[in-house]
Amino acid sequence: MMPPSTTTAIVRSVNPVFLDTSYLLALEFAKDQNHQASVRHWQRIVANVPPLVTTSYVLDEAVTFFNNRGHHGKAIRVGNTLLYSPSVSLIQVDETLFYEGWQYFQQHQGKRYSLTDCISFMVMRKLGAGVAFIFDRHFAQAGFTIAPEAPSPG
């Protein structure tokens, strides 16, 4: 199988929605506390899914989560879905993006943002993605709209 084409610049007529780790895990892991909420949300939008974008760091987090819990097959399936789905644009975190996220991380000492979150914020800003599918209040704290609504504490 050929590697997917990835890009750091996406040209679309509709602003993409950022797909975060917590949403992916909730959707794919039945034991996740947000599983039912993510499934209901996905069922509502599946007929008209917006353009989705995520990063190589989010893919890494999701694959690692499943593999570390003995679900290697699911890790591969989730990884391949993110890599090869025509609905998902995968942004490779390059050196420039890494340092932009690192700078943002350093500037927000009072927040409990992860470095991956900070890199995600940079991607969202660059692409004009104002919405994230996520169960993490940090994105709302950073000024983004989160869906589904009423996330669990995070």
Protein backbone atom coordinates (compact mmCIF):
# COMPACT_ATOMS: atom_id res chain seq x y z
CA MET A 1 0.00 0.00 0.00
CA MET A 2 1.32 3.42 -0.94
CA PRO A 3 1.68 6.06 1.77
CA PRO A 4 -1.16 8.56 1.79
CA SER A 5 -0.61 12.02 0.50
CA THR A 6 -0.46 14.51 3.33
CA THR A 7 -0.20 18.22 3.28
CA THR A 8 0.27 21.22 5.51
CA ALA A 9 -1.95 23.36 3.29
CA ILE A 10 -5.53 22.35 2.63
CA VAL A 11 -7.64 24.15 0.07
CA ARG A 12 -11.35 23.61 0.65
CA SER A 13 -14.41 25.73 0.17
CA VAL A 14 -15.74 24.79 3.63
CA ASN A 15 -13.75 25.26 6.81
CA PRO A 16 -12.69 21.88 8.17
CA VAL A 17 -13.60 20.50 11.58
CA PHE A 18 -10.74 19.33 13.76
CA LEU A 19 -10.90 15.68 14.83
CA ASP A 20 -9.26 15.20 18.23
CA THR A 21 -8.06 12.15 20.11
CA SER A 22 -10.75 12.22 22.79
CA TYR A 23 -13.51 12.09 20.17
CA LEU A 24 -11.83 9.28 18.26
CA LEU A 25 -11.33 7.25 21.42
CA ALA A 26 -14.90 7.82 22.58
CA LEU A 27 -16.26 6.80 19.19
CA GLU A 28 -14.14 3.65 18.94
CA PHE A 29 -13.86 2.47 22.56
CA ALA A 30 -17.14 1.20 24.05
CA LYS A 31 -15.80 1.55 27.61
CA ASP A 32 -15.09 5.27 27.19
CA GLN A 33 -17.33 7.47 29.35
CA ASN A 34 -18.25 9.53 26.28
CA HIS A 35 -18.89 6.60 23.94
CA GLN A 36 -22.67 6.98 23.75
CA ALA A 37 -22.47 10.74 23.25
CA SER A 38 -19.94 10.35 20.44
CA VAL A 39 -21.96 7.63 18.71
CA ARG A 40 -25.16 9.73 18.89
CA HIS A 41 -23.27 12.74 17.55
CA TRP A 42 -21.69 10.75 14.71
CA GLN A 43 -25.04 9.23 13.73
CA ARG A 44 -26.52 12.74 13.46
CA ILE A 45 -23.79 14.00 11.11
CA VAL A 46 -22.69 10.89 9.20
CA ALA A 47 -24.91 11.64 6.19
CA ASN A 48 -23.29 15.06 5.80
CA VAL A 49 -19.83 14.85 7.37
CA PRO A 50 -17.91 18.10 7.11
CA PRO A 51 -14.31 18.07 5.91
CA LEU A 52 -12.26 16.69 8.80
CA VAL A 53 -8.67 17.48 9.68
CA THR A 54 -6.34 16.02 12.27
CA THR A 55 -2.62 15.73 12.90
CA SER A 56 -0.03 12.99 12.95
CA TYR A 57 0.22 13.57 16.73
CA VAL A 58 -3.50 12.80 17.18
CA LEU A 59 -3.10 9.67 15.07
CA ASP A 60 -0.14 8.67 17.27
CA GLU A 61 -2.15 9.21 20.47
CA ALA A 62 -5.11 7.17 19.23
CA VAL A 63 -3.04 4.28 17.87
CA THR A 64 -0.92 4.16 21.02
CA PHE A 65 -4.02 4.15 23.26
CA PHE A 66 -5.50 1.09 21.57
CA ASN A 67 -2.23 -0.77 21.17
CA ASN A 68 -1.27 -0.25 24.83
CA ARG A 69 -4.57 -1.84 25.85
CA GLY A 70 -4.02 -4.96 23.77
CA HIS A 71 -6.18 -3.86 20.81
CA HIS A 72 -3.55 -3.96 18.06
CA GLY A 73 -6.11 -4.69 15.34
CA LYS A 74 -8.23 -1.72 16.35
CA ALA A 75 -5.10 0.45 16.48
CA ILE A 76 -4.33 -0.52 12.89
CA ARG A 77 -7.94 0.05 11.76
CA VAL A 78 -8.15 3.49 13.39
CA GLY A 79 -4.72 4.45 12.04
CA ASN A 80 -5.57 3.33 8.51
CA THR A 81 -8.90 5.15 8.64
CA LEU A 82 -7.14 8.40 9.53
CA LEU A 83 -4.41 7.82 6.95
CA TYR A 84 -6.56 6.79 4.01
CA SER A 85 -10.06 8.20 4.48
CA PRO A 86 -10.99 10.73 1.80
CA SER A 87 -12.98 12.55 4.52
CA VAL A 88 -9.92 13.21 6.70
CA SER A 89 -6.95 15.41 5.88
CA LEU A 90 -3.93 14.39 7.93
CA ILE A 91 -1.51 17.19 8.75
CA GLN A 92 2.03 16.01 9.38
CA VAL A 93 3.56 17.87 12.31
CA ASP A 94 6.75 19.30 10.83
CA GLU A 95 9.47 21.29 12.59
CA THR A 96 7.78 24.65 12.01
CA LEU A 97 4.42 23.49 13.33
CA PHE A 98 6.08 21.79 16.30
CA TYR A 99 7.85 25.02 17.32
CA GLU A 100 4.70 27.10 16.84
CA GLY A 101 2.87 24.71 19.18
CA TRP A 102 5.79 24.74 21.60
CA GLN A 103 5.78 28.55 21.69
CA TYR A 104 2.02 28.58 22.38
CA PHE A 105 2.52 25.97 25.12
CA GLN A 106 5.17 28.12 26.80
CA GLN A 107 2.96 31.21 26.66
CA HIS A 108 0.06 29.51 28.46
CA GLN A 109 1.62 28.40 31.72
CA GLY A 110 -1.65 28.79 33.65
CA LYS A 111 -3.45 26.30 31.41
CA ARG A 112 -3.10 22.55 31.44
CA TYR A 113 -2.85 22.26 27.68
CA SER A 114 -0.88 19.36 26.30
CA LEU A 115 1.72 20.06 23.65
CA THR A 116 -0.43 18.06 21.23
CA ASP A 117 -3.38 20.35 22.04
CA CYS A 118 -1.24 23.43 21.39
CA ILE A 119 -0.14 22.07 18.03
CA SER A 120 -3.78 21.30 17.24
CA PHE A 121 -4.72 24.90 18.11
CA MET A 122 -2.11 26.15 15.63
CA VAL A 123 -3.47 23.88 12.88
CA MET A 124 -7.02 25.01 13.56
CA ARG A 125 -6.07 28.67 13.41
CA LYS A 126 -4.12 28.24 10.18
CA LEU A 127 -6.98 26.39 8.50
CA GLY A 128 -9.80 28.50 9.87
CA ALA A 129 -11.27 25.51 11.70
CA GLY A 130 -13.40 26.99 14.45
CA VAL A 131 -14.97 23.70 15.55
CA ALA A 132 -13.41 20.58 17.04
CA PHE A 133 -15.01 17.19 17.57
CA ILE A 134 -13.69 16.62 21.05
CA PHE A 135 -14.43 15.87 24.70
CA ASP A 136 -11.81 18.25 26.09
CA ARG A 137 -12.70 21.67 27.52
CA HIS A 138 -9.21 22.98 26.73
CA PHE A 139 -10.27 23.68 23.16
CA ALA A 140 -13.16 25.84 24.38
CA GLN A 141 -10.74 27.63 26.74
CA ALA A 142 -8.57 28.36 23.70
CA GLY A 143 -11.53 29.96 21.91
CA PHE A 144 -12.81 27.13 19.74
CA THR A 145 -16.29 25.65 19.55
CA ILE A 146 -16.49 22.05 20.68
CA ALA A 147 -18.92 19.35 19.58
CA PRO A 148 -20.72 17.44 20.79
CA GLU A 149 -21.81 19.89 23.47
CA ALA A 150 -21.52 19.28 27.20
CA PRO A 151 -18.17 17.48 27.29
CA SER A 152 -17.01 15.63 30.34
CA PRO A 153 -14.50 17.42 32.61
CA GLY A 154 -11.08 17.46 31.01
